[in-house]
Protein backbone atom coordinates (compact mmCIF):
# COMPACT_ATOMS: atom_id res chain seq x y z
CA MET A 1 93.24 104.69 92.48
CA THR A 2 95.84 106.88 92.80
CA GLU A 3 99.27 105.64 93.89
CA LYS A 4 100.68 106.99 97.22
CA TYR A 5 104.51 107.99 97.73
CA ARG A 6 105.97 108.79 100.96
CA LEU A 7 108.41 111.14 100.37
CA GLU A 8 111.48 111.99 102.60
CA PHE A 9 113.82 114.66 102.06
CA ILE A 10 116.03 118.12 102.99
CA LEU A 11 115.32 121.56 101.71
CA HIS A 12 117.66 124.12 102.09
CA ALA A 13 115.92 127.17 102.04
CA GLN A 14 116.29 130.88 103.50
CA ASN A 15 114.14 133.33 104.89
CA SER A 16 111.41 130.45 105.47
CA SER A 17 110.09 128.50 108.69
CA PRO A 18 108.55 125.14 109.02
CA LYS A 19 104.65 126.76 109.12
CA MET A 20 105.68 128.67 105.93
CA ILE A 21 107.01 125.13 104.42
CA LYS A 22 104.25 123.01 105.77
CA SER A 23 101.50 125.76 104.71
CA SER A 24 102.82 125.98 101.09
CA LEU A 25 102.97 121.70 100.93
CA ALA A 26 99.80 120.75 102.85
CA GLU A 27 97.53 120.96 99.66
CA PHE A 28 99.80 118.22 97.85
CA GLY A 29 99.25 115.14 100.38
CA ASN A 30 99.25 114.36 104.48
CA GLU A 31 100.89 113.04 106.84
CA LEU A 32 103.16 116.15 106.48
CA VAL A 33 105.87 116.84 109.06
CA VAL A 34 108.63 119.80 108.67
CA SER A 35 111.37 120.40 110.81
CA GLN A 36 114.23 122.44 111.02
CA SER A 37 117.71 121.05 111.63
CA GLN A 38 119.22 121.33 115.00
CA ASP A 39 122.32 121.85 113.66
CA GLN A 40 123.96 125.78 114.05
CA ASP A 41 125.88 125.82 110.66
CA GLU A 42 122.48 124.24 108.62
CA LYS A 43 120.00 126.36 109.99
CA CYS A 44 118.28 126.64 106.67
CA ASP A 45 117.78 123.26 106.44
CA TYR A 46 114.59 121.86 106.55
CA LYS A 47 113.91 117.79 107.00
CA VAL A 48 110.31 117.14 104.76
CA ASN A 49 108.03 113.91 105.47
CA MET A 50 104.94 113.49 103.47
CA VAL A 51 102.08 111.14 101.79
CA THR A 52 101.29 112.30 98.09
CA ASP A 53 100.00 111.06 94.80
CA GLU A 54 102.17 113.84 93.18
CA PRO A 55 105.74 114.12 93.85
CA THR A 56 106.31 116.06 91.20
CA LEU A 57 104.44 118.99 91.94
CA VAL A 58 105.94 118.81 95.23
CA PHE A 59 109.57 118.98 94.10
CA ASP A 60 108.60 121.50 91.17
CA LEU A 61 107.37 123.67 94.42
CA CYS A 62 110.01 123.10 96.62
CA ALA A 63 112.70 123.99 93.95
CA GLN A 64 111.40 127.37 94.42
CA LEU A 65 110.98 127.31 98.16
CA GLY A 66 115.29 126.40 97.89
CA ARG A 67 117.52 123.37 96.88
CA ILE A 68 115.95 119.50 97.82
CA ARG A 69 118.68 117.42 99.04
CA SER A 70 118.99 113.87 100.55
CA MET A 71 115.99 112.77 98.75
CA ARG A 72 113.80 109.05 99.38
CA VAL A 73 110.84 108.60 97.72
CA VAL A 74 108.90 105.54 99.01
């Protein structure tokens, strides 16, 4: 059995949307929630929460979309 990891992080990605990010990450886990920052100065920031057994793949993909900040793996 593979271990599951809960990932919580902020993705700073210009020219993106919660729907686009969610569709990019959907195959790598479940319980996926992507929400856009409510702060007008940080409108390119997206909060991502998900459960995966492949955190490295998720972070590699997100690094192609933008910059990862405030990462938490549980």
